[in-house]
């Protein structure tokens, strides 16, 4: 019943910003911890950012490669999770996926949105 749909990807120059959105339907967003992952060409999928449940504090965590540049947030009323990406680098180029974790693992995934950073 849970569906995740990402949007906001695109082609930008190094140093630019993008804001990705993930709209969740089929259940209340506050029932899940949420995360963003990415997969670059020829590489495995990697964790980018995560945000916990509001009742557990809503803590956030980030991959070392994006700390200080990316920010994850959630709006339970709008059933939306966002990833604000600043100071983008060519190595950020990847397909970005939104994911939901009802328990200890991410079980539900969106279709992905392409982010390309190139001059």
Protein backbone atom coordinates (compact mmCIF):
# COMPACT_ATOMS: atom_id res chain seq x y z
CA UNK A 1 0.00 0.00 0.00
CA UNK A 2 2.94 2.32 0.51
CA UNK A 3 4.07 4.33 -2.51
CA UNK A 4 7.00 6.73 -2.75
CA UNK A 5 7.45 9.15 -5.64
CA UNK A 6 10.57 11.28 -6.02
CA UNK A 7 10.89 14.49 -8.01
CA UNK A 8 13.19 17.48 -8.37
CA UNK A 9 16.20 16.00 -10.12
CA UNK A 10 17.87 17.67 -13.05
CA UNK A 11 21.06 18.85 -14.72
CA UNK A 12 22.98 21.55 -12.85
CA UNK A 13 26.46 23.04 -12.79
CA UNK A 14 28.95 22.42 -9.98
CA UNK A 15 28.19 24.61 -6.98
CA UNK A 16 24.48 24.79 -7.74
CA UNK A 17 21.62 23.59 -5.55
CA UNK A 18 18.73 21.19 -6.01
CA UNK A 19 15.84 20.21 -3.80
CA UNK A 20 14.48 16.70 -4.08
CA UNK A 21 11.03 15.78 -2.85
CA UNK A 22 9.49 12.44 -1.97
CA UNK A 23 5.73 12.19 -1.62
CA UNK A 24 4.50 9.22 0.39
CA UNK A 25 1.04 7.74 0.02
CA UNK A 26 -0.78 4.69 1.32
CA UNK A 27 0.06 5.26 4.97
CA UNK A 28 0.90 8.02 7.40
CA UNK A 29 4.44 9.30 6.99
CA UNK A 30 5.02 9.50 10.73
CA UNK A 31 4.96 5.69 10.89
CA UNK A 32 8.30 5.42 9.08
CA UNK A 33 11.89 6.43 9.34
CA UNK A 34 12.89 7.87 5.97
CA UNK A 35 16.06 7.99 3.97
CA UNK A 36 17.70 9.01 0.73
CA UNK A 37 20.07 6.77 -1.19
CA UNK A 38 21.89 7.19 -4.47
CA UNK A 39 23.46 5.02 -7.10
CA UNK A 40 26.07 6.34 -9.49
CA UNK A 41 27.00 4.61 -12.76
CA UNK A 42 29.08 1.51 -12.08
CA UNK A 43 28.72 1.81 -8.31
CA UNK A 44 26.60 0.21 -5.60
CA UNK A 45 23.70 1.99 -4.01
CA UNK A 46 24.86 4.07 -1.05
CA UNK A 47 23.24 5.77 1.88
CA UNK A 48 23.03 9.56 1.68
CA UNK A 49 20.80 10.82 4.50
CA UNK A 50 18.22 9.57 6.95
CA UNK A 51 15.68 10.98 9.37
CA UNK A 52 14.07 9.12 12.25
CA UNK A 53 10.55 8.99 13.60
CA UNK A 54 9.22 12.11 15.24
CA UNK A 55 8.27 10.27 18.42
CA UNK A 56 11.85 8.99 18.73
CA UNK A 57 13.31 12.46 18.27
CA UNK A 58 13.44 12.76 14.50
CA UNK A 59 17.23 12.60 14.47
CA UNK A 60 19.12 12.94 11.22
CA UNK A 61 22.29 11.36 9.92
CA UNK A 62 24.37 11.83 6.79
CA UNK A 63 27.04 10.16 4.77
CA UNK A 64 30.43 11.79 5.32
CA UNK A 65 30.55 12.79 1.68
CA UNK A 66 27.50 15.06 2.00
CA UNK A 67 27.75 16.40 5.55
CA UNK A 68 27.49 20.17 5.61
CA UNK A 69 26.04 20.28 2.09
CA UNK A 70 22.84 18.22 2.20
CA UNK A 71 19.89 18.52 4.57
CA UNK A 72 17.07 16.03 5.00
CA UNK A 73 13.72 17.09 6.44
CA UNK A 74 10.18 15.82 6.69
CA UNK A 75 6.71 17.31 6.74
CA UNK A 76 4.32 14.69 8.06
CA UNK A 77 1.27 16.85 7.40
CA UNK A 78 2.17 16.98 3.70
CA UNK A 79 3.49 13.40 3.65
CA UNK A 80 6.69 14.71 2.11
CA UNK A 81 10.39 14.15 2.71
CA UNK A 82 12.89 16.52 1.15
CA UNK A 83 16.60 16.54 0.46
CA UNK A 84 18.11 19.98 0.07
CA UNK A 85 21.39 19.66 -1.81
CA UNK A 86 23.80 22.59 -1.88
CA UNK A 87 27.28 23.05 -3.32
CA UNK A 88 26.77 20.14 -5.65
CA UNK A 89 29.80 18.36 -7.03
CA UNK A 90 30.22 16.18 -10.12
CA UNK A 91 30.64 13.17 -7.83
CA UNK A 92 27.09 13.75 -6.58
CA UNK A 93 25.82 12.64 -9.98
CA UNK A 94 23.56 9.63 -9.45
CA UNK A 95 20.02 8.38 -9.39
CA UNK A 96 18.57 9.37 -6.03
CA UNK A 97 16.04 7.14 -4.30
CA UNK A 98 13.67 7.80 -1.45
CA UNK A 99 13.16 4.93 1.00
CA UNK A 100 10.95 4.13 3.98
CA UNK A 101 11.74 1.95 6.99
CA UNK A 102 8.82 0.71 9.08
CA UNK A 103 11.19 -1.18 11.39
CA UNK A 104 14.97 -1.59 11.26
CA UNK A 105 15.46 -1.78 7.50
CA UNK A 106 14.45 0.22 4.46
CA UNK A 107 11.76 -1.85 2.79
CA UNK A 108 9.97 0.55 0.46
CA UNK A 109 11.56 2.46 -2.38
CA UNK A 110 10.65 5.10 -4.92
CA UNK A 111 11.42 4.96 -8.63
CA UNK A 112 14.36 7.34 -8.41
CA UNK A 113 15.17 10.74 -9.85
CA UNK A 114 18.29 11.59 -11.85
CA UNK A 115 20.71 14.22 -10.58
CA UNK A 116 23.51 15.24 -12.94
CA UNK A 117 26.18 17.75 -11.95
CA UNK A 118 28.31 18.84 -14.86
CA UNK A 119 29.83 21.97 -16.34
